[in-house]
């Protein structure tokens, strides 16, 4: 059974804990809190590099959302752009299955 990003993001927002935005994502990665990071495909390269480098050092998987930050925000039900999401607690979602981690 494949994991649907849209469905699992809805489950995450209902039952899990997460941070939105680049600065909170970077902080949670540096603290080792993040279990996974999702970034929008159009995130500025400087932020993308910083998130990817720090996540790699902490062995935190990254999922690149194949869409814009506007589309990612809409999937989360937010009326604003979301460039990155740091997942702290998956709650009842199976979102980590997107990167083959559990």
N, C-alpha and C. Protein backbone atom coordinates (compact mmCIF):
# COMPACT_ATOMS: atom_id res chain seq x y z
N UNK A 1 0.85 -1.19 0.00
CA UNK A 1 0.00 0.00 0.00
C UNK A 1 0.89 1.25 0.00
N UNK A 2 0.65 2.12 -0.94
CA UNK A 2 1.47 3.32 -1.01
C UNK A 2 0.97 4.37 -0.03
N UNK A 3 1.88 5.21 0.39
CA UNK A 3 1.56 6.26 1.35
C UNK A 3 1.25 7.54 0.58
N UNK A 4 0.10 8.13 0.86
CA UNK A 4 -0.28 9.37 0.19
C UNK A 4 0.19 10.56 1.03
N UNK A 5 0.98 11.44 0.43
CA UNK A 5 1.48 12.60 1.15
C UNK A 5 0.34 13.44 1.69
N UNK A 6 -0.66 13.67 0.85
CA UNK A 6 -1.78 14.51 1.26
C UNK A 6 -2.50 13.92 2.48
N UNK A 7 -2.79 12.62 2.44
CA UNK A 7 -3.49 11.96 3.54
C UNK A 7 -2.65 11.98 4.82
N UNK A 8 -1.37 11.68 4.69
CA UNK A 8 -0.51 11.61 5.87
C UNK A 8 -0.25 12.99 6.46
N UNK A 9 -0.21 14.04 5.62
CA UNK A 9 -0.07 15.40 6.16
C UNK A 9 -1.30 15.78 6.96
N UNK A 10 -2.48 15.37 6.49
CA UNK A 10 -3.72 15.63 7.24
C UNK A 10 -3.69 14.91 8.59
N UNK A 11 -3.24 13.65 8.58
CA UNK A 11 -3.12 12.90 9.84
C UNK A 11 -2.10 13.57 10.77
N UNK A 12 -1.00 14.03 10.19
CA UNK A 12 0.04 14.70 10.98
C UNK A 12 -0.51 15.96 11.65
N UNK A 13 -1.24 16.77 10.89
CA UNK A 13 -1.75 18.02 11.46
C UNK A 13 -2.77 17.77 12.56
N UNK A 14 -3.47 16.64 12.49
CA UNK A 14 -4.48 16.31 13.51
C UNK A 14 -3.85 15.71 14.77
N UNK A 15 -2.84 14.85 14.59
CA UNK A 15 -2.37 14.07 15.74
C UNK A 15 -0.89 14.22 16.07
N UNK A 16 -0.12 14.87 15.22
CA UNK A 16 1.33 14.93 15.44
C UNK A 16 1.80 16.30 15.90
N UNK A 17 3.12 16.44 15.94
CA UNK A 17 3.74 17.72 16.29
C UNK A 17 4.75 18.05 15.20
N UNK A 18 4.71 19.30 14.74
CA UNK A 18 5.58 19.71 13.65
C UNK A 18 5.83 21.21 13.73
N UNK A 19 6.88 21.64 13.06
CA UNK A 19 7.19 23.06 12.95
C UNK A 19 7.14 23.45 11.48
N UNK A 20 6.64 24.65 11.21
CA UNK A 20 6.60 25.17 9.86
C UNK A 20 7.65 26.27 9.72
N UNK A 21 8.24 26.36 8.55
CA UNK A 21 9.17 27.45 8.27
C UNK A 21 10.62 27.04 8.38
N UNK A 22 11.44 27.76 7.64
CA UNK A 22 12.85 27.44 7.51
C UNK A 22 13.60 27.57 8.84
N UNK A 23 13.41 28.69 9.56
CA UNK A 23 14.20 28.89 10.78
C UNK A 23 13.85 27.85 11.85
N UNK A 24 12.58 27.55 12.02
CA UNK A 24 12.19 26.53 13.01
C UNK A 24 12.65 25.14 12.57
N UNK A 25 12.62 24.89 11.28
CA UNK A 25 13.10 23.61 10.77
C UNK A 25 14.58 23.44 11.07
N UNK A 26 15.37 24.46 10.76
CA UNK A 26 16.82 24.38 11.00
C UNK A 26 17.10 24.19 12.49
N UNK A 27 16.41 24.95 13.35
CA UNK A 27 16.62 24.82 14.79
C UNK A 27 16.30 23.41 15.27
N UNK A 28 15.19 22.84 14.80
CA UNK A 28 14.81 21.50 15.25
C UNK A 28 15.78 20.44 14.74
N UNK A 29 16.34 20.65 13.55
CA UNK A 29 17.34 19.72 13.01
C UNK A 29 18.63 19.81 13.84
N UNK A 30 19.06 21.04 14.15
CA UNK A 30 20.27 21.22 14.94
C UNK A 30 20.14 20.65 16.35
N UNK A 31 18.94 20.72 16.91
CA UNK A 31 18.69 20.16 18.25
C UNK A 31 18.48 18.65 18.21
N UNK A 32 18.37 18.09 17.00
CA UNK A 32 18.14 16.65 16.87
C UNK A 32 16.71 16.24 17.17
N UNK A 33 15.79 17.20 17.18
CA UNK A 33 14.38 16.92 17.47
C UNK A 33 13.64 16.31 16.29
N UNK A 34 14.03 16.72 15.09
CA UNK A 34 13.29 16.35 13.88
C UNK A 34 13.45 14.86 13.56
N UNK A 35 12.34 14.23 13.20
CA UNK A 35 12.38 12.84 12.74
C UNK A 35 12.46 12.80 11.22
N UNK A 36 11.98 13.88 10.60
CA UNK A 36 11.98 13.98 9.14
C UNK A 36 11.73 15.43 8.77
N UNK A 37 12.21 15.84 7.61
CA UNK A 37 11.98 17.19 7.11
C UNK A 37 11.38 17.09 5.71
N UNK A 38 10.38 17.91 5.45
CA UNK A 38 9.81 18.02 4.11
C UNK A 38 10.10 19.43 3.62
N UNK A 39 10.66 19.53 2.42
CA UNK A 39 10.92 20.86 1.84
C UNK A 39 10.21 20.97 0.49
N UNK A 40 9.75 22.18 0.19
CA UNK A 40 9.13 22.44 -1.11
C UNK A 40 10.22 22.49 -2.18
N UNK A 41 9.85 22.12 -3.39
CA UNK A 41 10.79 22.08 -4.50
C UNK A 41 11.37 23.45 -4.82
N UNK A 42 10.61 24.52 -4.52
CA UNK A 42 11.06 25.86 -4.88
C UNK A 42 11.68 26.64 -3.72
N UNK A 43 12.08 25.94 -2.68
CA UNK A 43 12.73 26.60 -1.54
C UNK A 43 14.03 27.25 -2.04
N UNK A 44 14.35 28.46 -1.60
CA UNK A 44 15.60 29.09 -2.04
C UNK A 44 16.81 28.18 -1.77
N UNK A 45 17.74 28.15 -2.71
CA UNK A 45 18.88 27.23 -2.64
C UNK A 45 19.70 27.40 -1.36
N UNK A 46 19.85 28.63 -0.88
CA UNK A 46 20.65 28.83 0.33
C UNK A 46 20.02 28.13 1.54
N UNK A 47 18.69 28.20 1.65
CA UNK A 47 17.99 27.51 2.75
C UNK A 47 18.02 26.00 2.55
N UNK A 48 17.83 25.61 1.31
CA UNK A 48 17.82 24.17 1.01
C UNK A 48 19.16 23.54 1.40
N UNK A 49 20.26 24.19 1.03
CA UNK A 49 21.59 23.68 1.35
C UNK A 49 21.79 23.59 2.85
N UNK A 50 21.38 24.64 3.57
CA UNK A 50 21.56 24.66 5.02
C UNK A 50 20.77 23.53 5.69
N UNK A 51 19.52 23.34 5.26
CA UNK A 51 18.69 22.27 5.83
C UNK A 51 19.28 20.91 5.47
N UNK A 52 19.61 20.71 4.20
CA UNK A 52 20.13 19.41 3.76
C UNK A 52 21.45 19.06 4.45
N UNK A 53 22.36 20.02 4.55
CA UNK A 53 23.66 19.75 5.20
C UNK A 53 23.50 19.38 6.66
N UNK A 54 22.68 20.14 7.39
CA UNK A 54 22.48 19.85 8.81
C UNK A 54 21.71 18.55 9.02
N UNK A 55 20.74 18.27 8.16
CA UNK A 55 19.98 17.03 8.28
C UNK A 55 20.88 15.82 8.01
N UNK A 56 21.78 15.96 7.04
CA UNK A 56 22.69 14.86 6.72
C UNK A 56 23.59 14.54 7.92
N UNK A 57 24.08 15.58 8.59
CA UNK A 57 24.94 15.39 9.76
C UNK A 57 24.21 14.65 10.89
N UNK A 58 22.90 14.87 10.98
CA UNK A 58 22.11 14.26 12.05
C UNK A 58 21.35 13.02 11.58
N UNK A 59 21.62 12.57 10.34
CA UNK A 59 20.91 11.42 9.76
C UNK A 59 19.39 11.58 9.78
N UNK A 60 18.93 12.78 9.47
CA UNK A 60 17.49 13.05 9.41
C UNK A 60 17.07 13.00 7.94
N UNK A 61 16.09 12.14 7.61
CA UNK A 61 15.68 12.05 6.21
C UNK A 61 14.96 13.30 5.73
N UNK A 62 15.14 13.60 4.44
CA UNK A 62 14.49 14.75 3.81
C UNK A 62 13.62 14.25 2.66
N UNK A 63 12.42 14.76 2.61
CA UNK A 63 11.51 14.46 1.50
C UNK A 63 11.32 15.76 0.74
N UNK A 64 11.59 15.74 -0.56
CA UNK A 64 11.40 16.94 -1.38
C UNK A 64 10.02 16.86 -2.01
N UNK A 65 9.16 17.78 -1.61
CA UNK A 65 7.80 17.87 -2.15
C UNK A 65 7.88 18.40 -3.57
N UNK A 66 7.32 17.67 -4.51
CA UNK A 66 7.38 18.06 -5.93
C UNK A 66 6.29 19.09 -6.22
N UNK A 67 6.46 20.25 -5.66
CA UNK A 67 5.51 21.33 -5.86
C UNK A 67 6.04 22.58 -5.19
N UNK A 68 5.28 23.66 -5.27
CA UNK A 68 5.72 24.93 -4.71
C UNK A 68 5.37 25.04 -3.23
N UNK A 69 5.93 26.06 -2.60
CA UNK A 69 5.62 26.32 -1.20
C UNK A 69 4.16 26.72 -1.02
N UNK A 70 3.56 27.31 -2.05
CA UNK A 70 2.13 27.65 -2.00
C UNK A 70 1.31 26.36 -1.96
N UNK A 71 1.68 25.40 -2.82
CA UNK A 71 0.97 24.12 -2.86
C UNK A 71 1.16 23.33 -1.57
N UNK A 72 2.35 23.39 -0.99
CA UNK A 72 2.61 22.69 0.27
C UNK A 72 1.78 23.30 1.39
N UNK A 73 1.72 24.62 1.42
CA UNK A 73 0.87 25.30 2.41
C UNK A 73 -0.59 24.91 2.26
N UNK A 74 -1.05 24.83 1.02
CA UNK A 74 -2.44 24.45 0.75
C UNK A 74 -2.73 23.02 1.22
N UNK A 75 -1.77 22.11 1.01
CA UNK A 75 -1.95 20.73 1.47
C UNK A 75 -2.11 20.66 2.98
N UNK A 76 -1.45 21.57 3.68
CA UNK A 76 -1.53 21.62 5.14
C UNK A 76 -2.76 22.39 5.61
N UNK A 77 -3.49 22.98 4.66
CA UNK A 77 -4.65 23.77 5.02
C UNK A 77 -4.29 25.16 5.52
N UNK A 78 -3.11 25.62 5.14
CA UNK A 78 -2.65 26.94 5.58
C UNK A 78 -2.82 27.96 4.45
N UNK A 79 -3.24 29.18 4.79
CA UNK A 79 -3.43 30.21 3.75
C UNK A 79 -2.14 30.98 3.43
N UNK A 80 -1.00 30.33 3.57
CA UNK A 80 0.29 30.97 3.31
C UNK A 80 1.29 29.95 2.79
N UNK A 81 2.41 30.44 2.27
CA UNK A 81 3.47 29.58 1.75
C UNK A 81 4.14 28.82 2.88
N UNK A 82 4.47 27.56 2.64
CA UNK A 82 5.23 26.76 3.59
C UNK A 82 6.40 26.14 2.82
N UNK A 83 7.61 26.63 3.11
CA UNK A 83 8.80 26.14 2.41
C UNK A 83 9.33 24.85 3.02
N UNK A 84 9.12 24.70 4.35
CA UNK A 84 9.65 23.50 5.00
C UNK A 84 8.80 23.13 6.21
N UNK A 85 8.80 21.84 6.48
CA UNK A 85 8.11 21.29 7.65
C UNK A 85 9.10 20.38 8.35
N UNK A 86 9.20 20.55 9.65
CA UNK A 86 10.03 19.68 10.47
C UNK A 86 9.09 18.83 11.31
N UNK A 87 9.15 17.52 11.13
CA UNK A 87 8.25 16.62 11.84
C UNK A 87 8.92 16.17 13.13
N UNK A 88 8.29 16.50 14.25
CA UNK A 88 8.82 16.17 15.57
C UNK A 88 8.19 14.88 16.09
N UNK A 89 6.88 14.78 15.96
CA UNK A 89 6.13 13.61 16.41
C UNK A 89 5.13 13.27 15.31
N UNK A 90 5.17 12.06 14.79
CA UNK A 90 4.32 11.69 13.66
C UNK A 90 2.87 11.49 14.07
N UNK A 91 2.59 11.35 15.35
CA UNK A 91 1.22 11.11 15.78
C UNK A 91 0.72 9.82 15.15
N UNK A 92 -0.46 9.85 14.57
CA UNK A 92 -1.04 8.66 13.95
C UNK A 92 -0.72 8.55 12.47
N UNK A 93 0.07 9.49 11.95
CA UNK A 93 0.38 9.46 10.51
C UNK A 93 1.49 8.44 10.23
N UNK A 94 1.56 8.03 8.97
CA UNK A 94 2.61 7.12 8.52
C UNK A 94 3.54 7.88 7.58
N UNK A 95 3.75 9.15 7.86
CA UNK A 95 4.51 10.02 6.95
C UNK A 95 5.97 9.60 6.77
N UNK A 96 6.54 8.96 7.77
CA UNK A 96 7.94 8.51 7.64
C UNK A 96 8.09 7.43 6.58
N UNK A 97 6.98 6.76 6.23
CA UNK A 97 7.04 5.74 5.18
C UNK A 97 7.37 6.34 3.82
N UNK A 98 7.19 7.66 3.67
CA UNK A 98 7.51 8.32 2.40
C UNK A 98 8.99 8.21 2.09
N UNK A 99 9.81 8.13 3.13
CA UNK A 99 11.26 8.03 2.92
C UNK A 99 11.78 6.66 3.35
N UNK A 100 10.87 5.74 3.60
CA UNK A 100 11.27 4.39 3.96
C UNK A 100 11.87 4.26 5.34
N UNK A 101 11.46 5.17 6.25
CA UNK A 101 11.96 5.15 7.62
C UNK A 101 10.78 4.94 8.55
N UNK A 102 10.98 4.20 9.61
CA UNK A 102 9.89 4.08 10.58
C UNK A 102 10.44 3.93 11.98
